[in-house]
Amino acid sequence: MEVVEEIVKIGEKGQVILPKKIREKEGLKRGDLMMIGYMDGFITLSKVEKKMDVIDVFTGLGEALREKGYDSEEKITELIDEVKEEVTEEWIKKLRK
């Protein structure tokens, strides 16, 4: 497994330019879809093989929410509010350190 690491700079609008070597290795070109994620201080970026993959992600998310009992807009809104509150609390704790 080859590891490629480079430092990149965030542009004015939050844009990041992927290094040419990485774009070439993955066959990425202008207009390709990418999935960005964030969890506990780690940012991930993955290529989306086809547009259907994004739909599959959201379909899977919907199914998972329904399985956990979030089967109405009201319950999902409550969950979103809870998550926002937790994230805000964590963010404030980190700022105070």
PDB file of N, CA and C in Angstrom:
ATOM      1  N   MET A   1       0.852  -1.173   0.000  1.00  0.00           N
ATOM      2  CA  MET A   1       0.000   0.000   0.000  1.00  0.00           C
ATOM      3  C   MET A   1       0.897   1.235   0.000  1.00  0.00           C
ATOM      4  N   GLU A   2       0.681   2.087  -0.974  1.00  0.00           N
ATOM      5  CA  GLU A   2       1.458   3.317  -1.071  1.00  0.00           C
ATOM      6  C   GLU A   2       0.730   4.439  -0.341  1.00  0.00           C
ATOM      7  N   VAL A   3       1.457   5.178   0.471  1.00  0.00           N
ATOM      8  CA  VAL A   3       0.891   6.325   1.181  1.00  0.00           C
ATOM      9  C   VAL A   3       1.445   7.594   0.553  1.00  0.00           C
ATOM     10  N   VAL A   4       0.554   8.499   0.195  1.00  0.00           N
ATOM     11  CA  VAL A   4       0.954   9.787  -0.364  1.00  0.00           C
ATOM     12  C   VAL A   4       0.405  10.863   0.556  1.00  0.00           C
ATOM     13  N   GLU A   5       1.272  11.704   1.072  1.00  0.00           N
ATOM     14  CA  GLU A   5       0.846  12.800   1.936  1.00  0.00           C
ATOM     15  C   GLU A   5       1.443  14.094   1.418  1.00  0.00           C
ATOM     16  N   GLU A   6       0.650  15.132   1.379  1.00  0.00           N
ATOM     17  CA  GLU A   6       1.127  16.458   1.006  1.00  0.00           C
ATOM     18  C   GLU A   6       0.359  17.473   1.824  1.00  0.00           C
ATOM     19  N   ILE A   7       1.003  18.570   2.125  1.00  0.00           N
ATOM     20  CA  ILE A   7       0.328  19.660   2.813  1.00  0.00           C
ATOM     21  C   ILE A   7      -0.315  20.541   1.756  1.00  0.00           C
ATOM     22  N   VAL A   8      -1.590  20.854   1.963  1.00  0.00           N
ATOM     23  CA  VAL A   8      -2.314  21.721   1.035  1.00  0.00           C
ATOM     24  C   VAL A   8      -2.864  22.912   1.813  1.00  0.00           C
ATOM     25  N   LYS A   9      -3.146  23.967   1.098  1.00  0.00           N
ATOM     26  CA  LYS A   9      -3.640  25.196   1.709  1.00  0.00           C
ATOM     27  C   LYS A   9      -5.123  25.362   1.382  1.00  0.00           C
ATOM     28  N   ILE A  10      -5.892  25.798   2.364  1.00  0.00           N
ATOM     29  CA  ILE A  10      -7.310  26.054   2.141  1.00  0.00           C
ATOM     30  C   ILE A  10      -7.442  27.431   1.504  1.00  0.00           C
ATOM     31  N   GLY A  11      -8.175  27.484   0.397  1.00  0.00           N
ATOM     32  CA  GLY A  11      -8.364  28.733  -0.330  1.00  0.00           C
ATOM     33  C   GLY A  11      -9.415  29.629   0.299  1.00  0.00           C
ATOM     34  N   GLU A  12      -9.622  30.762  -0.346  1.00  0.00           N
ATOM     35  CA  GLU A  12     -10.528  31.796   0.150  1.00  0.00           C
ATOM     36  C   GLU A  12     -11.941  31.284   0.410  1.00  0.00           C
ATOM     37  N   LYS A  13     -12.430  30.405  -0.427  1.00  0.00           N
ATOM     38  CA  LYS A  13     -13.796  29.896  -0.282  1.00  0.00           C
ATOM     39  C   LYS A  13     -13.824  28.503   0.345  1.00  0.00           C
ATOM     40  N   GLY A  14     -12.767  28.125   1.048  1.00  0.00           N
ATOM     41  CA  GLY A  14     -12.718  26.817   1.690  1.00  0.00           C
ATOM     42  C   GLY A  14     -12.310  25.699   0.756  1.00  0.00           C
ATOM     43  N   GLN A  15     -11.849  26.054  -0.430  1.00  0.00           N
ATOM     44  CA  GLN A  15     -11.479  25.041  -1.413  1.00  0.00           C
ATOM     45  C   GLN A  15     -10.080  24.494  -1.139  1.00  0.00           C
ATOM     46  N   VAL A  16      -9.919  23.219  -1.435  1.00  0.00           N
ATOM     47  CA  VAL A  16      -8.626  22.553  -1.315  1.00  0.00           C
ATOM     48  C   VAL A  16      -8.304  21.940  -2.672  1.00  0.00           C
ATOM     49  N   ILE A  17      -7.101  22.154  -3.140  1.00  0.00           N
ATOM     50  CA  ILE A  17      -6.683  21.557  -4.411  1.00  0.00           C
ATOM     51  C   ILE A  17      -6.000  20.231  -4.109  1.00  0.00           C
ATOM     52  N   LEU A  18      -6.533  19.165  -4.692  1.00  0.00           N
ATOM     53  CA  LEU A  18      -5.907  17.855  -4.521  1.00  0.00           C
ATOM     54  C   LEU A  18      -4.633  17.812  -5.355  1.00  0.00           C
ATOM     55  N   PRO A  19      -3.544  17.333  -4.774  1.00  0.00           N
ATOM     56  CA  PRO A  19      -2.292  17.251  -5.529  1.00  0.00           C
ATOM     57  C   PRO A  19      -2.450  16.399  -6.795  1.00  0.00           C
ATOM     58  N   LYS A  20      -1.740  16.802  -7.834  1.00  0.00           N
ATOM     59  CA  LYS A  20      -1.825  16.144  -9.139  1.00  0.00           C
ATOM     60  C   LYS A  20      -1.557  14.644  -9.032  1.00  0.00           C
ATOM     61  N   LYS A  21      -0.554  14.269  -8.240  1.00  0.00           N
ATOM     62  CA  LYS A  21      -0.198  12.853  -8.107  1.00  0.00           C
ATOM     63  C   LYS A  21      -1.390  12.034  -7.599  1.00  0.00           C
ATOM     64  N   ILE A  22      -2.125  12.579  -6.646  1.00  0.00           N
ATOM     65  CA  ILE A  22      -3.287  11.875  -6.091  1.00  0.00           C
ATOM     66  C   ILE A  22      -4.417  11.838  -7.113  1.00  0.00           C
ATOM     67  N   ARG A  23      -4.662  12.967  -7.785  1.00  0.00           N
ATOM     68  CA  ARG A  23      -5.720  12.993  -8.808  1.00  0.00           C
ATOM     69  C   ARG A  23      -5.442  11.971  -9.893  1.00  0.00           C
ATOM     70  N   GLU A  24      -4.187  11.888 -10.324  1.00  0.00           N
ATOM     71  CA  GLU A  24      -3.829  10.935 -11.383  1.00  0.00           C
ATOM     72  C   GLU A  24      -3.979   9.499 -10.907  1.00  0.00           C
ATOM     73  N   LYS A  25      -3.527   9.196  -9.687  1.00  0.00           N
ATOM     74  CA  LYS A  25      -3.620   7.828  -9.153  1.00  0.00           C
ATOM     75  C   LYS A  25      -5.074   7.355  -9.085  1.00  0.00           C
ATOM     76  N   GLU A  26      -5.982   8.274  -8.758  1.00  0.00           N
ATOM     77  CA  GLU A  26      -7.395   7.920  -8.602  1.00  0.00           C
ATOM     78  C   GLU A  26      -8.221   8.196  -9.853  1.00  0.00           C
ATOM     79  N   GLY A  27      -7.582   8.741 -10.874  1.00  0.00           N
ATOM     80  CA  GLY A  27      -8.304   9.037 -12.109  1.00  0.00           C
ATOM     81  C   GLY A  27      -9.359  10.120 -11.928  1.00  0.00           C
ATOM     82  N   LEU A  28      -9.090  11.051 -11.029  1.00  0.00           N
ATOM     83  CA  LEU A  28     -10.048  12.121 -10.749  1.00  0.00           C
ATOM     84  C   LEU A  28      -9.923  13.235 -11.774  1.00  0.00           C
ATOM     85  N   LYS A  29     -11.073  13.760 -12.167  1.00  0.00           N
ATOM     86  CA  LYS A  29     -11.070  14.879 -13.102  1.00  0.00           C
ATOM     87  C   LYS A  29     -12.135  15.890 -12.687  1.00  0.00           C
ATOM     88  N   ARG A  30     -12.081  17.052 -13.277  1.00  0.00           N
ATOM     89  CA  ARG A  30     -13.021  18.126 -12.962  1.00  0.00           C
ATOM     90  C   ARG A  30     -14.469  17.624 -13.080  1.00  0.00           C
ATOM     91  N   GLY A  31     -15.264  17.942 -12.074  1.00  0.00           N
ATOM     92  CA  GLY A  31     -16.670  17.548 -12.087  1.00  0.00           C
ATOM     93  C   GLY A  31     -16.961  16.233 -11.383  1.00  0.00           C
ATOM     94  N   ASP A  32     -15.925  15.454 -11.052  1.00  0.00           N
ATOM     95  CA  ASP A  32     -16.150  14.198 -10.335  1.00  0.00           C
ATOM     96  C   ASP A  32     -16.722  14.496  -8.947  1.00  0.00           C
ATOM     97  N   LEU A  33     -17.556  13.600  -8.466  1.00  0.00           N
ATOM     98  CA  LEU A  33     -18.152  13.757  -7.143  1.00  0.00           C
ATOM     99  C   LEU A  33     -17.234  13.186  -6.072  1.00  0.00           C
ATOM    100  N   MET A  34     -17.171  13.888  -4.940  1.00  0.00           N
ATOM    101  CA  MET A  34     -16.383  13.451  -3.799  1.00  0.00           C
ATOM    102  C   MET A  34     -17.289  13.468  -2.572  1.00  0.00           C
ATOM    103  N   MET A  35     -17.060  12.535  -1.665  1.00  0.00           N
ATOM    104  CA  MET A  35     -17.800  12.483  -0.406  1.00  0.00           C
ATOM    105  C   MET A  35     -16.846  12.969   0.682  1.00  0.00           C
ATOM    106  N   ILE A  36     -17.254  14.011   1.412  1.00  0.00           N
ATOM    107  CA  ILE A  36     -16.419  14.512   2.499  1.00  0.00           C
ATOM    108  C   ILE A  36     -17.103  14.170   3.815  1.00  0.00           C
ATOM    109  N   GLY A  37     -16.314  13.756   4.782  1.00  0.00           N
ATOM    110  CA  GLY A  37     -16.865  13.391   6.077  1.00  0.00           C
ATOM    111  C   GLY A  37     -16.022  13.969   7.202  1.00  0.00           C
ATOM    112  N   TYR A  38     -16.599  14.050   8.367  1.00  0.00           N
ATOM    113  CA  TYR A  38     -15.889  14.554   9.538  1.00  0.00           C
ATOM    114  C   TYR A  38     -16.309  13.741  10.748  1.00  0.00           C
ATOM    115  N   MET A  39     -15.320  13.332  11.553  1.00  0.00           N
ATOM    116  CA  MET A  39     -15.623  12.615  12.787  1.00  0.00           C
ATOM    117  C   MET A  39     -14.461  12.759  13.746  1.00  0.00           C
ATOM    118  N   ASP A  40     -14.750  13.293  14.906  1.00  0.00           N
ATOM    119  CA  ASP A  40     -13.765  13.414  15.985  1.00  0.00           C
ATOM    120  C   ASP A  40     -12.423  13.978  15.526  1.00  0.00           C
ATOM    121  N   GLY A  41     -12.448  15.071  14.801  1.00  0.00           N
ATOM    122  CA  GLY A  41     -11.209  15.730  14.404  1.00  0.00           C
ATOM    123  C   GLY A  41     -10.579  15.214  13.132  1.00  0.00           C
ATOM    124  N   PHE A  42     -11.161  14.214  12.503  1.00  0.00           N
ATOM    125  CA  PHE A  42     -10.613  13.668  11.264  1.00  0.00           C
ATOM    126  C   PHE A  42     -11.521  14.016  10.096  1.00  0.00           C
ATOM    127  N   ILE A  43     -10.918  14.516   9.033  1.00  0.00           N
ATOM    128  CA  ILE A  43     -11.650  14.833   7.813  1.00  0.00           C
ATOM    129  C   ILE A  43     -11.291  13.768   6.790  1.00  0.00           C
ATOM    130  N   THR A  44     -12.303  13.199   6.159  1.00  0.00           N
ATOM    131  CA  THR A  44     -12.060  12.193   5.125  1.00  0.00           C
ATOM    132  C   THR A  44     -12.615  12.689   3.802  1.00  0.00           C
ATOM    133  N   LEU A  45     -11.982  12.270   2.740  1.00  0.00           N
ATOM    134  CA  LEU A  45     -12.423  12.624   1.401  1.00  0.00           C
ATOM    135  C   LEU A  45     -12.318  11.371   0.551  1.00  0.00           C
ATOM    136  N   SER A  46     -13.425  10.961  -0.041  1.00  0.00           N
ATOM    137  CA  SER A  46     -13.457   9.744  -0.850  1.00  0.00           C
ATOM    138  C   SER A  46     -14.137  10.033  -2.173  1.00  0.00           C
ATOM    139  N   LYS A  47     -13.654   9.371  -3.211  1.00  0.00           N
ATOM    140  CA  LYS A  47     -14.318   9.567  -4.496  1.00  0.00           C
ATOM    141  C   LYS A  47     -15.609   8.764  -4.518  1.00  0.00           C
ATOM    142  N   VAL A  48     -16.586   9.306  -5.206  1.00  0.00           N
ATOM    143  CA  VAL A  48     -17.865   8.638  -5.391  1.00  0.00           C
ATOM    144  C   VAL A  48     -17.816   8.046  -6.787  1.00  0.00           C
ATOM    145  N   GLU A  49     -17.961   6.748  -6.875  1.00  0.00           N
ATOM    146  CA  GLU A  49     -17.807   6.057  -8.152  1.00  0.00           C
ATOM    147  C   GLU A  49     -18.835   6.481  -9.188  1.00  0.00           C
ATOM    148  N   LYS A  50     -20.041   6.722  -8.731  1.00  0.00           N
ATOM    149  CA  LYS A  50     -21.092   7.140  -9.659  1.00  0.00           C
ATOM    150  C   LYS A  50     -22.141   7.902  -8.874  1.00  0.00           C
ATOM    151  N   LYS A  51     -22.937   8.689  -9.563  1.00  0.00           N
ATOM    152  CA  LYS A  51     -23.929   9.525  -8.895  1.00  0.00           C
ATOM    153  C   LYS A  51     -24.897   8.709  -8.055  1.00  0.00           C
ATOM    154  N   MET A  52     -25.198   7.511  -8.449  1.00  0.00           N
ATOM    155  CA  MET A  52     -26.106   6.658  -7.687  1.00  0.00           C
ATOM    156  C   MET A  52     -25.582   6.407  -6.285  1.00  0.00           C
ATOM    157  N   ASP A  53     -24.264   6.393  -6.095  1.00  0.00           N
ATOM    158  CA  ASP A  53     -23.705   6.130  -4.780  1.00  0.00           C
ATOM    159  C   ASP A  53     -24.193   7.142  -3.749  1.00  0.00           C
ATOM    160  N   VAL A  54     -24.324   8.403  -4.135  1.00  0.00           N
ATOM    161  CA  VAL A  54     -24.799   9.426  -3.211  1.00  0.00           C
ATOM    162  C   VAL A  54     -26.236   9.112  -2.799  1.00  0.00           C
ATOM    163  N   ILE A  55     -27.049   8.730  -3.760  1.00  0.00           N
ATOM    164  CA  ILE A  55     -28.432   8.358  -3.460  1.00  0.00           C
ATOM    165  C   ILE A  55     -28.451   7.154  -2.524  1.00  0.00           C
ATOM    166  N   ASP A  56     -27.573   6.181  -2.775  1.00  0.00           N
ATOM    167  CA  ASP A  56     -27.494   5.000  -1.913  1.00  0.00           C
ATOM    168  C   ASP A  56     -27.135   5.384  -0.480  1.00  0.00           C
ATOM    169  N   VAL A  57     -26.226   6.341  -0.318  1.00  0.00           N
ATOM    170  CA  VAL A  57     -25.822   6.785   1.018  1.00  0.00           C
ATOM    171  C   VAL A  57     -27.025   7.352   1.766  1.00  0.00           C
ATOM    172  N   PHE A  58     -27.764   8.232   1.106  1.00  0.00           N
ATOM    173  CA  PHE A  58     -28.913   8.839   1.772  1.00  0.00           C
ATOM    174  C   PHE A  58     -30.044   7.834   1.996  1.00  0.00           C
ATOM    175  N   THR A  59     -30.205   6.895   1.084  1.00  0.00           N
ATOM    176  CA  THR A  59     -31.203   5.842   1.273  1.00  0.00           C
ATOM    177  C   THR A  59     -30.841   5.007   2.494  1.00  0.00           C
ATOM    178  N   GLY A  60     -29.567   4.647   2.605  1.00  0.00           N
ATOM    179  CA  GLY A  60     -29.099   3.883   3.761  1.00  0.00           C
ATOM    180  C   GLY A  60     -29.268   4.651   5.057  1.00  0.00           C
ATOM    181  N   LEU A  61     -29.004   5.948   5.009  1.00  0.00           N
ATOM    182  CA  LEU A  61     -29.182   6.783   6.194  1.00  0.00           C
ATOM    183  C   LEU A  61     -30.643   6.794   6.621  1.00  0.00           C
ATOM    184  N   GLY A  62     -31.540   6.939   5.656  1.00  0.00           N
ATOM    185  CA  GLY A  62     -32.975   6.933   5.957  1.00  0.00           C
ATOM    186  C   GLY A  62     -33.416   5.620   6.579  1.00  0.00           C
ATOM    187  N   GLU A  63     -32.920   4.516   6.032  1.00  0.00           N
ATOM    188  CA  GLU A  63     -33.267   3.198   6.571  1.00  0.00           C
ATOM    189  C   GLU A  63     -32.760   3.042   7.998  1.00  0.00           C
ATOM    190  N   ALA A  64     -31.524   3.482   8.237  1.00  0.00           N
ATOM    191  CA  ALA A  64     -30.944   3.373   9.577  1.00  0.00           C
ATOM    192  C   ALA A  64     -31.730   4.217  10.581  1.00  0.00           C
ATOM    193  N   LEU A  65     -32.133   5.412  10.167  1.00  0.00           N
ATOM    194  CA  LEU A  65     -32.922   6.263  11.062  1.00  0.00           C
ATOM    195  C   LEU A  65     -34.263   5.617  11.403  1.00  0.00           C
ATOM    196  N   ARG A  66     -34.916   5.052  10.401  1.00  0.00           N
ATOM    197  CA  ARG A  66     -36.214   4.400  10.651  1.00  0.00           C
ATOM    198  C   ARG A  66     -36.051   3.204  11.588  1.00  0.00           C
ATOM    199  N   GLU A  67     -34.976   2.428  11.406  1.00  0.00           N
ATOM    200  CA  GLU A  67     -34.730   1.263  12.269  1.00  0.00           C
ATOM    201  C   GLU A  67     -34.538   1.680  13.724  1.00  0.00           C
ATOM    202  N   LYS A  68     -33.988   2.871  13.939  1.00  0.00           N
ATOM    203  CA  LYS A  68     -33.742   3.367  15.299  1.00  0.00           C
ATOM    204  C   LYS A  68     -34.941   4.117  15.870  1.00  0.00           C
ATOM    205  N   GLY A  69     -36.057   4.123  15.123  1.00  0.00           N
ATOM    206  CA  GLY A  69     -37.272   4.741  15.635  1.00  0.00           C
ATOM    207  C   GLY A  69     -37.498   6.177  15.194  1.00  0.00           C
ATOM    208  N   TYR A  70     -36.620   6.693  14.363  1.00  0.00           N
ATOM    209  CA  TYR A  70     -36.790   8.057  13.850  1.00  0.00           C
ATOM    210  C   TYR A  70     -37.585   7.973  12.552  1.00  0.00           C
ATOM    211  N   ASP A  71     -38.898   7.825  12.723  1.00  0.00           N
ATOM    212  CA  ASP A  71     -39.749   7.555  11.567  1.00  0.00           C
ATOM    213  C   ASP A  71     -40.688   8.702  11.213  1.00  0.00           C
ATOM    214  N   SER A  72     -40.418   9.872  11.782  1.00  0.00           N
ATOM    215  CA  SER A  72     -41.236  11.038  11.433  1.00  0.00           C
ATOM    216  C   SER A  72     -40.328  12.261  11.349  1.00  0.00           C
ATOM    217  N   GLU A  73     -40.805  13.264  10.640  1.00  0.00           N
ATOM    218  CA  GLU A  73     -40.024  14.499  10.508  1.00  0.00           C
ATOM    219  C   GLU A  73     -39.767  15.124  11.878  1.00  0.00           C
ATOM    220  N   GLU A  74     -40.763  15.047  12.750  1.00  0.00           N
ATOM    221  CA  GLU A  74     -40.628  15.612  14.093  1.00  0.00           C
ATOM    222  C   GLU A  74     -39.500  14.929  14.872  1.00  0.00           C
ATOM    223  N   LYS A  75     -39.457  13.601  14.832  1.00  0.00           N
ATOM    224  CA  LYS A  75     -38.414  12.864  15.555  1.00  0.00           C
ATOM    225  C   LYS A  75     -37.029  13.147  14.974  1.00  0.00           C
ATOM    226  N   ILE A  76     -36.945  13.249  13.658  1.00  0.00           N
ATOM    227  CA  ILE A  76     -35.656  13.532  13.020  1.00  0.00           C
ATOM    228  C   ILE A  76     -35.198  14.944  13.371  1.00  0.00           C
ATOM    229  N   THR A  77     -36.125  15.893  13.396  1.00  0.00           N
ATOM    230  CA  THR A  77     -35.787  17.267  13.782  1.00  0.00           C
ATOM    231  C   THR A  77     -35.281  17.304  15.220  1.00  0.00           C
ATOM    232  N   GLU A  78     -35.915  16.545  16.112  1.00  0.00           N
ATOM    233  CA  GLU A  78     -35.456  16.467  17.500  1.00  0.00           C
ATOM    234  C   GLU A  78     -34.041  15.895  17.569  1.00  0.00           C
ATOM    235  N   LEU A  79     -33.778  14.850  16.788  1.00  0.00           N
ATOM    236  CA  LEU A  79     -32.446  14.248  16.755  1.00  0.00           C
ATOM    237  C   LEU A  79     -31.415  15.262  16.267  1.00  0.00           C
ATOM    238  N   ILE A  80     -31.738  15.979  15.211  1.00  0.00           N
ATOM    239  CA  ILE A  80     -30.819  16.986  14.675  1.00  0.00           C
ATOM    240  C   ILE A  80     -30.518  18.038  15.735  1.00  0.00           C
ATOM    241  N   ASP A  81     -31.549  18.495  16.446  1.00  0.00           N
ATOM    242  CA  ASP A  81     -31.354  19.488  17.503  1.00  0.00           C
ATOM    243  C   ASP A  81     -30.450  18.950  18.610  1.00  0.00           C
ATOM    244  N   GLU A  82     -30.649  17.677  18.996  1.00  0.00           N
ATOM    245  CA  GLU A  82     -29.808  17.057  20.024  1.00  0.00           C
ATOM    246  C   GLU A  82     -28.352  17.005  19.572  1.00  0.00           C
ATOM    247  N   VAL A  83     -28.140  16.584  18.329  1.00  0.00           N
ATOM    248  CA  VAL A  83     -26.776  16.471  17.807  1.00  0.00           C
ATOM    249  C   VAL A  83     -26.126  17.846  17.740  1.00  0.00           C
ATOM    250  N   LYS A  84     -26.863  18.850  17.273  1.00  0.00           N
ATOM    251  CA  LYS A  84     -26.313  20.208  17.207  1.00  0.00           C
ATOM    252  C   LYS A  84     -25.908  20.693  18.593  1.00  0.00           C
ATOM    253  N   GLU A  85     -26.741  20.393  19.584  1.00  0.00           N
ATOM    254  CA  GLU A  85     -26.445  20.801  20.956  1.00  0.00           C
ATOM    255  C   GLU A  85     -25.178  20.109  21.464  1.00  0.00           C
ATOM    256  N   GLU A  86     -25.063  18.806  21.222  1.00  0.00           N
ATOM    257  CA  GLU A  86     -23.877  18.057  21.653  1.00  0.00           C
ATOM    258  C   GLU A  86     -22.614  18.582  20.970  1.00  0.00           C
ATOM    259  N   VAL A  87     -22.704  18.811  19.669  1.00  0.00           N
ATOM    260  CA  VAL A  87     -21.542  19.299  18.922  1.00  0.00           C
ATOM    261  C   VAL A  87     -21.137  20.678  19.424  1.00  0.00           C
ATOM    262  N   THR A  88     -22.118  21.533  19.673  1.00  0.00           N
ATOM    263  CA  THR A  88     -21.832  22.877  20.181  1.00  0.00           C
ATOM    264  C   THR A  88     -21.155  22.801  21.540  1.00  0.00           C
ATOM    265  N   GLU A  89     -21.650  21.931  22.427  1.00  0.00           N
ATOM    266  CA  GLU A  89     -21.039  21.769  23.746  1.00  0.00           C
ATOM    267  C   GLU A  89     -19.593  21.299  23.632  1.00  0.00           C
ATOM    268  N   GLU A  90     -19.339  20.326  22.759  1.00  0.00           N
ATOM    269  CA  GLU A  90     -17.975  19.833  22.553  1.00  0.00           C
ATOM    270  C   GLU A  90     -17.078  20.931  21.995  1.00  0.00           C
ATOM    271  N   TRP A  91     -17.598  21.695  21.065  1.00  0.00           N
ATOM    272  CA  TRP A  91     -16.844  22.775  20.443  1.00  0.00           C
ATOM    273  C   TRP A  91     -16.467  23.826  21.489  1.00  0.00           C
ATOM    274  N   ILE A  92     -17.427  24.177  22.354  1.00  0.00           N
ATOM    275  CA  ILE A  92     -17.172  25.160  23.407  1.00  0.00           C
ATOM    276  C   ILE A  92     -16.121  24.633  24.377  1.00  0.00           C
ATOM    277  N   LYS A  93     -16.200  23.349  24.744  1.00  0.00           N
ATOM    278  CA  LYS A  93     -15.201  22.749  25.638  1.00  0.00           C
ATOM    279  C   LYS A  93     -13.804  22.856  25.036  1.00  0.00           C
ATOM    280  N   LYS A  94     -13.685  22.574  23.735  1.00  0.00           N
ATOM    281  CA  LYS A  94     -12.378  22.636  23.071  1.00  0.00           C
ATOM    282  C   LYS A  94     -11.859  24.060  23.021  1.00  0.00           C
ATOM    283  N   LEU A  95     -12.740  25.020  22.830  1.00  0.00           N
ATOM    284  CA  LEU A  95     -12.329  26.424  22.779  1.00  0.00           C
ATOM    285  C   LEU A  95     -11.819  26.906  24.127  1.00  0.00           C
ATOM    286  N   ARG A  96     -12.370  26.371  25.193  1.00  0.00           N
ATOM    287  CA  ARG A  96     -11.995  26.801  26.545  1.00  0.00           C
ATOM    288  C   ARG A  96     -10.678  26.200  27.011  1.00  0.00           C
ATOM    289  N   LYS A  97     -10.189  25.187  26.328  1.00  0.00           N
ATOM    290  CA  LYS A  97      -8.934  24.524  26.735  1.00  0.00           C
ATOM    291  C   LYS A  97      -7.741  25.389  26.439  1.00  0.00           C
TER     292      LYS A  97
END
